[in-house]
Amino acid sequence: MVLINEWLPNPEGADADGEWLELINSGDSAANLSGWKLVNSSGKKFIFGADTVSAHGYLLLPRSRTKLTLKNQNEHIMLYNAQGRVADESSFPGSAPEGMSLSRVDNGFVWASPTPMGVNSLPTNTLALTAYPPGSKFNSWPDWGPAGLALLSAALLTAAIFFIIKNNYGLYKLLFRGDEKIRL
């Protein structure tokens, strides 16, 4: 299985010279990547040619080869197989720390020291370890759907009407006590 293993969106120095992505083949046989593609959040694509990744091996893809610019904020990378299905994805919210790579760990990705073509290293400060599993949403509103939004709107409208009536004594008496006569 070919996966995104590590990527460096904000290298020390010039981004054009230092950005890279790394794939890993966790399978027991070599993987042919012909027709696979990488896509960044801007929609730019890199389509693989006759690339292969050896069994349990790595493939390092510098920016100079892929021409993919990795944003330093809120970036999302997708890896598609030759059939056009998502094989893997990785993303981060906020800003990428300079000189740190987004590295695959058991249950997602963490910011760590870059290890191109090698086993990913975990940060030494595990208290600061933050994993971002693929597909995670951050700081997003819940998906209420049409019925939920209608219910929320009705509740807010009811509260507003109640507030207006409660704070208008004449209207309150007219609607709830009935002792006011309507004058034209």
N, C-alpha and C. Protein backbone atom coordinates (compact mmCIF):
# COMPACT_ATOMS: atom_id res chain seq x y z
N MET A 1 0.85 -1.17 0.00
CA MET A 1 0.00 0.00 0.00
C MET A 1 0.90 1.24 0.00
N VAL A 2 0.68 2.12 -0.96
CA VAL A 2 1.46 3.35 -1.08
C VAL A 2 0.72 4.47 -0.37
N LEU A 3 1.43 5.17 0.50
CA LEU A 3 0.86 6.23 1.33
C LEU A 3 1.76 7.46 1.34
N ILE A 4 1.18 8.59 1.67
CA ILE A 4 1.98 9.79 1.94
C ILE A 4 2.63 9.54 3.30
N ASN A 5 3.95 9.63 3.35
CA ASN A 5 4.65 9.32 4.60
C ASN A 5 5.10 10.57 5.33
N GLU A 6 5.54 11.57 4.59
CA GLU A 6 6.11 12.76 5.22
C GLU A 6 6.16 13.86 4.17
N TRP A 7 6.00 15.11 4.63
CA TRP A 7 6.14 16.23 3.70
C TRP A 7 6.57 17.48 4.44
N LEU A 8 7.35 18.28 3.74
CA LEU A 8 7.96 19.48 4.33
C LEU A 8 7.43 20.72 3.61
N PRO A 9 6.39 21.37 4.15
CA PRO A 9 5.82 22.54 3.48
C PRO A 9 6.54 23.86 3.77
N ASN A 10 7.27 23.94 4.89
CA ASN A 10 7.89 25.20 5.29
C ASN A 10 9.34 24.96 5.71
N PRO A 11 10.22 24.68 4.73
CA PRO A 11 11.62 24.42 5.09
C PRO A 11 12.32 25.68 5.54
N GLU A 12 13.43 25.51 6.22
CA GLU A 12 14.27 26.67 6.55
C GLU A 12 14.86 27.15 5.23
N GLY A 13 14.86 28.45 5.01
CA GLY A 13 15.34 28.98 3.74
C GLY A 13 14.22 29.06 2.72
N ALA A 14 14.60 29.08 1.45
CA ALA A 14 13.64 29.25 0.36
C ALA A 14 12.76 28.02 0.18
N ASP A 15 11.45 28.25 0.14
CA ASP A 15 10.52 27.13 -0.04
C ASP A 15 10.77 26.39 -1.35
N ALA A 16 11.05 27.13 -2.42
CA ALA A 16 11.25 26.52 -3.73
C ALA A 16 12.42 25.53 -3.73
N ASP A 17 13.42 25.78 -2.88
CA ASP A 17 14.59 24.90 -2.84
C ASP A 17 14.44 23.74 -1.87
N GLY A 18 13.55 23.86 -0.87
CA GLY A 18 13.54 22.86 0.18
C GLY A 18 12.28 22.04 0.35
N GLU A 19 11.18 22.39 -0.33
CA GLU A 19 9.95 21.63 -0.14
C GLU A 19 10.05 20.25 -0.80
N TRP A 20 9.44 19.27 -0.15
CA TRP A 20 9.40 17.92 -0.71
C TRP A 20 8.26 17.11 -0.10
N LEU A 21 7.91 16.04 -0.79
CA LEU A 21 6.95 15.06 -0.31
C LEU A 21 7.62 13.70 -0.37
N GLU A 22 7.21 12.82 0.51
CA GLU A 22 7.78 11.47 0.52
C GLU A 22 6.63 10.46 0.60
N LEU A 23 6.71 9.47 -0.27
CA LEU A 23 5.75 8.36 -0.24
C LEU A 23 6.43 7.14 0.36
N ILE A 24 5.62 6.25 0.92
CA ILE A 24 6.14 5.00 1.45
C ILE A 24 5.29 3.86 0.90
N ASN A 25 5.93 2.75 0.59
CA ASN A 25 5.24 1.53 0.17
C ASN A 25 5.29 0.56 1.34
N SER A 26 4.16 0.35 1.99
CA SER A 26 4.13 -0.57 3.14
C SER A 26 3.90 -2.02 2.71
N GLY A 27 3.79 -2.25 1.42
CA GLY A 27 3.54 -3.60 0.90
C GLY A 27 4.80 -4.43 0.79
N ASP A 28 4.60 -5.72 0.50
CA ASP A 28 5.71 -6.68 0.39
C ASP A 28 6.25 -6.81 -1.03
N SER A 29 5.70 -6.05 -1.98
CA SER A 29 6.22 -6.07 -3.35
C SER A 29 6.28 -4.64 -3.87
N ALA A 30 7.09 -4.43 -4.90
CA ALA A 30 7.25 -3.10 -5.47
C ALA A 30 5.90 -2.60 -6.01
N ALA A 31 5.71 -1.29 -5.95
CA ALA A 31 4.46 -0.68 -6.43
C ALA A 31 4.75 0.21 -7.63
N ASN A 32 4.04 0.00 -8.71
CA ASN A 32 4.15 0.81 -9.92
C ASN A 32 3.21 2.00 -9.77
N LEU A 33 3.71 3.21 -9.92
CA LEU A 33 2.91 4.42 -9.74
C LEU A 33 2.46 5.06 -11.05
N SER A 34 2.59 4.37 -12.16
CA SER A 34 2.17 4.93 -13.45
C SER A 34 0.70 5.32 -13.38
N GLY A 35 0.41 6.59 -13.72
CA GLY A 35 -0.96 7.08 -13.71
C GLY A 35 -1.44 7.59 -12.36
N TRP A 36 -0.66 7.42 -11.30
CA TRP A 36 -1.03 7.96 -9.99
C TRP A 36 -0.82 9.47 -10.05
N LYS A 37 -1.44 10.20 -9.12
CA LYS A 37 -1.20 11.64 -9.09
C LYS A 37 -1.30 12.18 -7.67
N LEU A 38 -0.58 13.26 -7.46
CA LEU A 38 -0.63 14.06 -6.23
C LEU A 38 -1.32 15.37 -6.57
N VAL A 39 -2.21 15.84 -5.68
CA VAL A 39 -2.93 17.08 -5.90
C VAL A 39 -2.86 17.91 -4.61
N ASN A 40 -2.48 19.19 -4.75
CA ASN A 40 -2.45 20.06 -3.57
C ASN A 40 -3.78 20.80 -3.43
N SER A 41 -3.94 21.58 -2.37
CA SER A 41 -5.21 22.25 -2.10
C SER A 41 -5.55 23.32 -3.13
N SER A 42 -4.57 23.75 -3.91
CA SER A 42 -4.84 24.71 -4.98
C SER A 42 -5.32 24.03 -6.25
N GLY A 43 -5.33 22.70 -6.24
CA GLY A 43 -5.78 21.93 -7.41
C GLY A 43 -4.67 21.61 -8.39
N LYS A 44 -3.43 22.00 -8.08
CA LYS A 44 -2.30 21.68 -8.95
C LYS A 44 -1.99 20.19 -8.84
N LYS A 45 -1.62 19.56 -9.97
CA LYS A 45 -1.42 18.11 -10.01
C LYS A 45 -0.01 17.75 -10.45
N PHE A 46 0.46 16.64 -9.92
CA PHE A 46 1.67 15.99 -10.42
C PHE A 46 1.26 14.57 -10.78
N ILE A 47 1.44 14.20 -12.04
CA ILE A 47 1.08 12.87 -12.50
C ILE A 47 2.37 12.06 -12.65
N PHE A 48 2.38 10.88 -12.01
CA PHE A 48 3.55 10.02 -12.04
C PHE A 48 3.72 9.36 -13.40
N GLY A 49 4.97 9.16 -13.78
CA GLY A 49 5.30 8.42 -14.99
C GLY A 49 5.57 6.97 -14.63
N ALA A 50 6.74 6.51 -14.96
CA ALA A 50 7.11 5.11 -14.73
C ALA A 50 7.78 4.91 -13.38
N ASP A 51 7.34 5.65 -12.39
CA ASP A 51 7.94 5.54 -11.05
C ASP A 51 7.50 4.25 -10.36
N THR A 52 8.42 3.68 -9.60
CA THR A 52 8.09 2.54 -8.73
C THR A 52 8.65 2.81 -7.34
N VAL A 53 8.00 2.20 -6.37
CA VAL A 53 8.49 2.28 -4.99
C VAL A 53 8.74 0.84 -4.56
N SER A 54 9.96 0.55 -4.13
CA SER A 54 10.29 -0.81 -3.72
C SER A 54 9.49 -1.21 -2.48
N ALA A 55 9.42 -2.50 -2.24
CA ALA A 55 8.72 -3.01 -1.06
C ALA A 55 9.31 -2.38 0.20
N HIS A 56 8.48 -1.84 1.04
CA HIS A 56 8.88 -1.18 2.29
C HIS A 56 9.87 -0.05 2.04
N GLY A 57 9.79 0.55 0.85
CA GLY A 57 10.72 1.60 0.48
C GLY A 57 10.05 2.96 0.41
N TYR A 58 10.86 3.96 0.10
CA TYR A 58 10.45 5.35 0.05
C TYR A 58 10.68 5.93 -1.33
N LEU A 59 9.90 6.95 -1.67
CA LEU A 59 10.12 7.73 -2.89
C LEU A 59 10.07 9.19 -2.48
N LEU A 60 11.19 9.89 -2.65
CA LEU A 60 11.29 11.31 -2.29
C LEU A 60 11.00 12.14 -3.54
N LEU A 61 10.08 13.10 -3.39
CA LEU A 61 9.66 13.94 -4.50
C LEU A 61 9.92 15.41 -4.18
N PRO A 62 11.05 15.96 -4.62
CA PRO A 62 11.32 17.38 -4.36
C PRO A 62 10.41 18.28 -5.21
N ARG A 63 10.21 19.48 -4.75
CA ARG A 63 9.38 20.45 -5.47
C ARG A 63 9.90 20.69 -6.88
N SER A 64 11.21 20.63 -7.05
CA SER A 64 11.80 20.85 -8.37
C SER A 64 11.31 19.82 -9.39
N ARG A 65 10.91 18.66 -8.91
CA ARG A 65 10.39 17.62 -9.81
C ARG A 65 8.88 17.70 -9.98
N THR A 66 8.15 17.85 -8.89
CA THR A 66 6.69 17.83 -8.95
C THR A 66 6.09 19.16 -9.39
N LYS A 67 6.82 20.24 -9.16
CA LYS A 67 6.33 21.61 -9.41
C LYS A 67 5.11 21.94 -8.53
N LEU A 68 4.88 21.14 -7.48
CA LEU A 68 3.78 21.41 -6.55
C LEU A 68 4.27 22.34 -5.45
N THR A 69 3.59 23.46 -5.29
CA THR A 69 3.88 24.39 -4.21
C THR A 69 3.08 23.96 -3.00
N LEU A 70 3.75 23.81 -1.86
CA LEU A 70 3.08 23.43 -0.62
C LEU A 70 2.87 24.69 0.21
N LYS A 71 1.60 25.00 0.48
CA LYS A 71 1.31 26.21 1.25
C LYS A 71 1.77 26.03 2.69
N ASN A 72 2.16 27.12 3.30
CA ASN A 72 2.61 27.11 4.69
C ASN A 72 1.45 27.21 5.66
N GLN A 73 0.24 27.39 5.15
CA GLN A 73 -0.95 27.47 6.01
C GLN A 73 -2.07 26.66 5.37
N ASN A 74 -2.73 25.86 6.21
CA ASN A 74 -3.95 25.15 5.82
C ASN A 74 -3.80 24.37 4.51
N GLU A 75 -2.79 23.56 4.41
CA GLU A 75 -2.54 22.79 3.18
C GLU A 75 -3.17 21.41 3.27
N HIS A 76 -3.54 20.89 2.12
CA HIS A 76 -4.16 19.56 2.01
C HIS A 76 -3.57 18.88 0.78
N ILE A 77 -3.04 17.68 0.95
CA ILE A 77 -2.44 16.92 -0.14
C ILE A 77 -3.24 15.64 -0.33
N MET A 78 -3.56 15.32 -1.58
CA MET A 78 -4.29 14.09 -1.91
C MET A 78 -3.43 13.24 -2.84
N LEU A 79 -3.43 11.93 -2.60
CA LEU A 79 -2.75 10.96 -3.46
C LEU A 79 -3.82 10.08 -4.09
N TYR A 80 -3.87 10.06 -5.42
CA TYR A 80 -4.85 9.25 -6.15
C TYR A 80 -4.14 8.10 -6.85
N ASN A 81 -4.77 6.92 -6.85
CA ASN A 81 -4.19 5.79 -7.55
C ASN A 81 -4.51 5.89 -9.05
N ALA A 82 -4.04 4.91 -9.82
CA ALA A 82 -4.22 4.94 -11.28
C ALA A 82 -5.68 4.87 -11.69
N GLN A 83 -6.55 4.35 -10.81
CA GLN A 83 -7.99 4.28 -11.12
C GLN A 83 -8.72 5.57 -10.72
N GLY A 84 -8.00 6.55 -10.19
CA GLY A 84 -8.60 7.82 -9.81
C GLY A 84 -9.23 7.84 -8.42
N ARG A 85 -8.99 6.80 -7.64
CA ARG A 85 -9.52 6.75 -6.26
C ARG A 85 -8.49 7.32 -5.29
N VAL A 86 -8.97 7.93 -4.21
CA VAL A 86 -8.08 8.48 -3.21
C VAL A 86 -7.35 7.32 -2.52
N ALA A 87 -6.03 7.32 -2.62
CA ALA A 87 -5.22 6.30 -1.95
C ALA A 87 -4.83 6.78 -0.55
N ASP A 88 -4.62 8.10 -0.40
CA ASP A 88 -4.25 8.66 0.89
C ASP A 88 -4.39 10.18 0.81
N GLU A 89 -4.41 10.81 1.97
CA GLU A 89 -4.45 12.26 2.06
C GLU A 89 -3.83 12.71 3.37
N SER A 90 -3.37 13.93 3.38
CA SER A 90 -2.78 14.50 4.58
C SER A 90 -3.03 16.01 4.55
N SER A 91 -3.28 16.59 5.72
CA SER A 91 -3.52 18.02 5.79
C SER A 91 -3.17 18.54 7.18
N PHE A 92 -3.09 19.85 7.26
CA PHE A 92 -2.89 20.48 8.57
C PHE A 92 -3.63 21.81 8.60
N PRO A 93 -4.18 22.17 9.76
CA PRO A 93 -4.79 23.48 9.92
C PRO A 93 -3.76 24.46 10.46
N GLY A 94 -3.98 25.73 10.22
CA GLY A 94 -3.07 26.73 10.78
C GLY A 94 -1.77 26.82 10.01
N SER A 95 -0.70 27.19 10.70
CA SER A 95 0.61 27.43 10.09
C SER A 95 1.56 26.26 10.31
N ALA A 96 2.35 25.98 9.29
CA ALA A 96 3.37 24.94 9.39
C ALA A 96 4.60 25.53 10.08
N PRO A 97 5.11 24.87 11.12
CA PRO A 97 6.33 25.38 11.77
C PRO A 97 7.52 25.26 10.82
N GLU A 98 8.35 26.28 10.82
CA GLU A 98 9.51 26.28 9.93
C GLU A 98 10.46 25.14 10.28
N GLY A 99 10.88 24.42 9.24
CA GLY A 99 11.86 23.35 9.41
C GLY A 99 11.30 22.04 9.95
N MET A 100 9.99 21.94 10.12
CA MET A 100 9.37 20.71 10.63
C MET A 100 8.56 20.06 9.51
N SER A 101 8.61 18.73 9.48
CA SER A 101 7.83 18.01 8.47
C SER A 101 6.58 17.41 9.12
N LEU A 102 5.55 17.22 8.33
CA LEU A 102 4.36 16.54 8.78
C LEU A 102 4.60 15.06 8.52
N SER A 103 4.76 14.29 9.59
CA SER A 103 5.21 12.91 9.49
C SER A 103 4.14 11.93 9.94
N ARG A 104 4.00 10.84 9.18
CA ARG A 104 3.02 9.81 9.50
C ARG A 104 3.43 9.04 10.76
N VAL A 105 2.45 8.86 11.64
CA VAL A 105 2.59 7.99 12.80
C VAL A 105 1.41 7.01 12.75
N ASP A 106 1.29 6.17 13.76
CA ASP A 106 0.27 5.12 13.74
C ASP A 106 -1.13 5.61 13.40
N ASN A 107 -1.58 6.69 14.00
CA ASN A 107 -2.97 7.11 13.83
C ASN A 107 -3.15 8.46 13.15
N GLY A 108 -2.16 8.93 12.42
CA GLY A 108 -2.29 10.21 11.75
C GLY A 108 -0.93 10.81 11.44
N PHE A 109 -0.82 12.12 11.60
CA PHE A 109 0.40 12.85 11.30
C PHE A 109 0.77 13.77 12.46
N VAL A 110 2.07 13.98 12.65
CA VAL A 110 2.57 14.91 13.66
C VAL A 110 3.68 15.76 13.05
N TRP A 111 3.91 16.92 13.64
CA TRP A 111 5.05 17.76 13.26
C TRP A 111 6.29 17.18 13.93
N ALA A 112 7.34 16.94 13.15
CA ALA A 112 8.56 16.34 13.68
C ALA A 112 9.75 16.80 12.85
N SER A 113 10.96 16.44 13.31
CA SER A 113 12.16 16.73 12.53
C SER A 113 12.13 15.91 11.24
N PRO A 114 12.49 16.53 10.12
CA PRO A 114 12.44 15.83 8.84
C PRO A 114 13.38 14.62 8.80
N THR A 115 12.90 13.56 8.17
CA THR A 115 13.71 12.34 8.00
C THR A 115 13.51 11.82 6.57
N PRO A 116 13.93 12.59 5.55
CA PRO A 116 13.72 12.13 4.18
C PRO A 116 14.41 10.79 3.92
N MET A 117 13.66 9.87 3.31
CA MET A 117 14.15 8.53 2.95
C MET A 117 14.54 7.70 4.18
N GLY A 118 13.95 8.02 5.33
CA GLY A 118 14.23 7.27 6.54
C GLY A 118 13.00 7.13 7.41
N VAL A 119 13.12 6.35 8.46
CA VAL A 119 12.02 6.13 9.39
C VAL A 119 11.68 7.45 10.08
N ASN A 120 10.41 7.77 10.14
CA ASN A 120 9.97 9.02 10.76
C ASN A 120 10.33 9.02 12.25
N SER A 121 10.77 10.20 12.72
CA SER A 121 11.08 10.33 14.14
C SER A 121 9.96 11.10 14.82
N LEU A 122 9.65 10.73 16.03
CA LEU A 122 8.64 11.43 16.80
C LEU A 122 9.27 12.58 17.56
N PRO A 123 8.50 13.62 17.83
CA PRO A 123 9.05 14.73 18.62
C PRO A 123 9.43 14.25 20.02
N THR A 124 10.45 14.85 20.58
CA THR A 124 10.88 14.44 21.91
C THR A 124 9.93 14.93 22.98
N ASN A 125 9.24 16.04 22.73
CA ASN A 125 8.28 16.59 23.69
C ASN A 125 6.91 16.00 23.38
N THR A 126 6.59 14.87 23.98
CA THR A 126 5.33 14.20 23.68
C THR A 126 4.12 14.96 24.21
N LEU A 127 4.32 15.90 25.13
CA LEU A 127 3.20 16.70 25.59
C LEU A 127 2.69 17.60 24.48
N ALA A 128 3.56 17.98 23.56
CA ALA A 128 3.18 18.84 22.46
C ALA A 128 2.74 18.04 21.23
N LEU A 129 2.73 16.74 21.33
CA LEU A 129 2.37 15.89 20.20
C LEU A 129 0.89 16.05 19.86
N THR A 130 0.63 16.42 18.63
CA THR A 130 -0.74 16.58 18.18
C THR A 130 -0.90 15.82 16.88
N ALA A 131 -1.74 14.81 16.89
CA ALA A 131 -1.97 14.01 15.68
C ALA A 131 -3.17 14.57 14.93
N TYR A 132 -3.07 14.62 13.62
CA TYR A 132 -4.15 15.06 12.76
C TYR A 132 -4.51 13.93 11.81
N PRO A 133 -5.46 13.07 12.19
CA PRO A 133 -5.84 11.97 11.30
C PRO A 133 -6.36 12.49 9.97
N PRO A 134 -6.16 11.74 8.89
CA PRO A 134 -6.67 12.18 7.60
C PRO A 134 -8.17 12.42 7.66
N GLY A 135 -8.61 13.49 7.04
CA GLY A 135 -10.03 13.80 6.98
C GLY A 135 -10.57 14.55 8.18
N SER A 136 -9.72 14.84 9.16
CA SER A 136 -10.19 15.55 10.36
C SER A 136 -10.60 16.97 10.00
N LYS A 137 -11.66 17.45 10.65
CA LYS A 137 -12.08 18.83 10.47
C LYS A 137 -11.72 19.59 11.74
N PHE A 138 -11.24 20.81 11.55
CA PHE A 138 -10.84 21.64 12.67
C PHE A 138 -11.61 22.94 12.63
N ASN A 139 -12.04 23.37 13.81
CA ASN A 139 -12.76 24.64 13.95
C ASN A 139 -13.90 24.77 12.95
N SER A 140 -14.61 23.68 12.75
CA SER A 140 -15.73 23.74 11.81
C SER A 140 -17.04 23.68 12.57
N TRP A 141 -18.08 24.26 11.97
CA TRP A 141 -19.41 24.22 12.54
C TRP A 141 -20.01 22.86 12.30
N PRO A 142 -20.88 22.39 13.19
CA PRO A 142 -21.52 21.11 12.96
C PRO A 142 -22.42 21.17 11.73
N ASP A 143 -22.59 20.04 11.06
CA ASP A 143 -23.45 19.97 9.90
C ASP A 143 -24.88 19.71 10.38
N TRP A 144 -25.67 20.77 10.46
CA TRP A 144 -27.01 20.68 11.02
C TRP A 144 -28.01 20.12 10.02
N GLY A 145 -27.79 20.30 8.75
CA GLY A 145 -28.76 19.90 7.76
C GLY A 145 -29.92 20.87 7.73
N PRO A 146 -30.80 20.76 6.73
CA PRO A 146 -31.92 21.69 6.60
C PRO A 146 -32.87 21.67 7.80
N ALA A 147 -33.20 20.50 8.31
CA ALA A 147 -34.13 20.42 9.45
C ALA A 147 -33.52 21.05 10.70
N GLY A 148 -32.25 20.80 10.94
CA GLY A 148 -31.58 21.37 12.10
C GLY A 148 -31.50 22.89 12.02
N LEU A 149 -31.20 23.39 10.82
CA LEU A 149 -31.14 24.85 10.65
C LEU A 149 -32.52 25.48 10.81
N ALA A 150 -33.58 24.81 10.32
CA ALA A 150 -34.94 25.33 10.49
C ALA A 150 -35.30 25.37 11.98
N LEU A 151 -34.96 24.32 12.71
CA LEU A 151 -35.24 24.27 14.14
C LEU A 151 -34.47 25.36 14.90
N LEU A 152 -33.20 25.54 14.57
CA LEU A 152 -32.39 26.58 15.20
C LEU A 152 -32.97 27.97 14.89
N SER A 153 -33.35 28.19 13.62
CA SER A 153 -33.94 29.47 13.23
C SER A 153 -35.24 29.74 13.99
N ALA A 154 -36.09 28.72 14.11
CA ALA A 154 -37.36 28.87 14.84
C ALA A 154 -37.11 29.22 16.30
N ALA A 155 -36.13 28.56 16.92
CA ALA A 155 -35.81 28.83 18.33
C ALA A 155 -35.31 30.26 18.50
N LEU A 156 -34.45 30.72 17.60
CA LEU A 156 -33.93 32.09 17.70
C LEU A 156 -35.03 33.12 17.45
N LEU A 157 -35.92 32.85 16.49
CA LEU A 157 -37.02 33.76 16.22
C LEU A 157 -37.98 33.83 17.40
N THR A 158 -38.27 32.68 18.00
CA THR A 158 -39.14 32.64 19.18
C THR A 158 -38.55 33.45 20.33
N ALA A 159 -37.27 33.28 20.55
CA ALA A 159 -36.60 34.03 21.63
C ALA A 159 -36.64 35.53 21.35
N ALA A 160 -36.44 35.93 20.10
CA ALA A 160 -36.47 37.35 19.75
C ALA A 160 -37.87 37.93 19.96
N ILE A 161 -38.90 37.21 19.53
CA ILE A 161 -40.28 37.68 19.70
C ILE A 161 -40.61 37.80 21.19
N PHE A 162 -40.25 36.80 21.97
CA PHE A 162 -40.50 36.83 23.40
C PHE A 162 -39.82 38.04 24.04
N PHE A 163 -38.58 38.31 23.66
CA PHE A 163 -37.84 39.45 24.20
C PHE A 163 -38.53 40.77 23.85
N ILE A 164 -38.99 40.90 22.61
CA ILE A 164 -39.66 42.13 22.17
C ILE A 164 -40.96 42.34 22.94
N ILE A 165 -41.76 41.27 23.07
CA ILE A 165 -43.04 41.37 23.78
C ILE A 165 -42.81 41.66 25.26
N LYS A 166 -41.87 40.97 25.87
CA LYS A 166 -41.59 41.13 27.30
C LYS A 166 -41.15 42.55 27.62
N ASN A 167 -40.39 43.17 26.72
CA ASN A 167 -39.87 44.51 26.96
C ASN A 167 -40.79 45.63 26.46
N ASN A 168 -41.93 45.30 25.92
CA ASN A 168 -42.90 46.30 25.47
C ASN A 168 -44.18 46.07 26.26
N TYR A 169 -44.37 46.82 27.33
CA TYR A 169 -45.47 46.59 28.27
C TYR A 169 -46.84 46.67 27.60
N GLY A 170 -47.03 47.63 26.73
CA GLY A 170 -48.32 47.77 26.06
C GLY A 170 -48.63 46.56 25.19
N LEU A 171 -47.66 46.08 24.46
CA LEU A 171 -47.83 44.90 23.62
C LEU A 171 -48.06 43.67 24.47
N TYR A 172 -47.36 43.60 25.59
CA TYR A 172 -47.51 42.47 26.52
C TYR A 172 -48.94 42.42 27.06
N LYS A 173 -49.45 43.59 27.50
CA LYS A 173 -50.82 43.64 28.03
C LYS A 173 -51.84 43.28 26.95
N LEU A 174 -51.63 43.77 25.74
CA LEU A 174 -52.54 43.49 24.64
C LEU A 174 -52.62 42.00 24.32
N LEU A 175 -51.47 41.35 24.29
CA LEU A 175 -51.43 39.94 23.89
C LEU A 175 -51.75 38.97 25.02
N PHE A 176 -51.41 39.30 26.26
CA PHE A 176 -51.53 38.31 27.32
C PHE A 176 -52.57 38.64 28.40
N ARG A 177 -52.93 39.89 28.56
CA ARG A 177 -53.90 40.23 29.60
C ARG A 177 -55.27 40.57 29.02
N GLY A 178 -55.27 41.03 27.81
CA GLY A 178 -56.51 41.28 27.11
C GLY A 178 -57.31 42.45 27.64
N ASP A 179 -56.77 43.26 28.55
CA ASP A 179 -57.54 44.35 29.11
C ASP A 179 -57.30 45.68 28.38
N GLU A 180 -56.48 45.67 27.39
CA GLU A 180 -56.26 46.87 26.61
C GLU A 180 -57.23 46.86 25.43
N LYS A 181 -57.82 47.97 25.16
CA LYS A 181 -58.69 48.11 24.00
C LYS A 181 -57.85 48.61 22.82
N ILE A 182 -58.16 48.09 21.68
CA ILE A 182 -57.45 48.53 20.49
C ILE A 182 -58.06 49.85 20.04
N ARG A 183 -57.25 50.85 19.91
CA ARG A 183 -57.71 52.16 19.49
C ARG A 183 -57.22 52.41 18.07
N LEU A 184 -58.14 52.94 17.28
CA LEU A 184 -57.75 53.27 15.91
C LEU A 184 -57.43 54.72 15.77
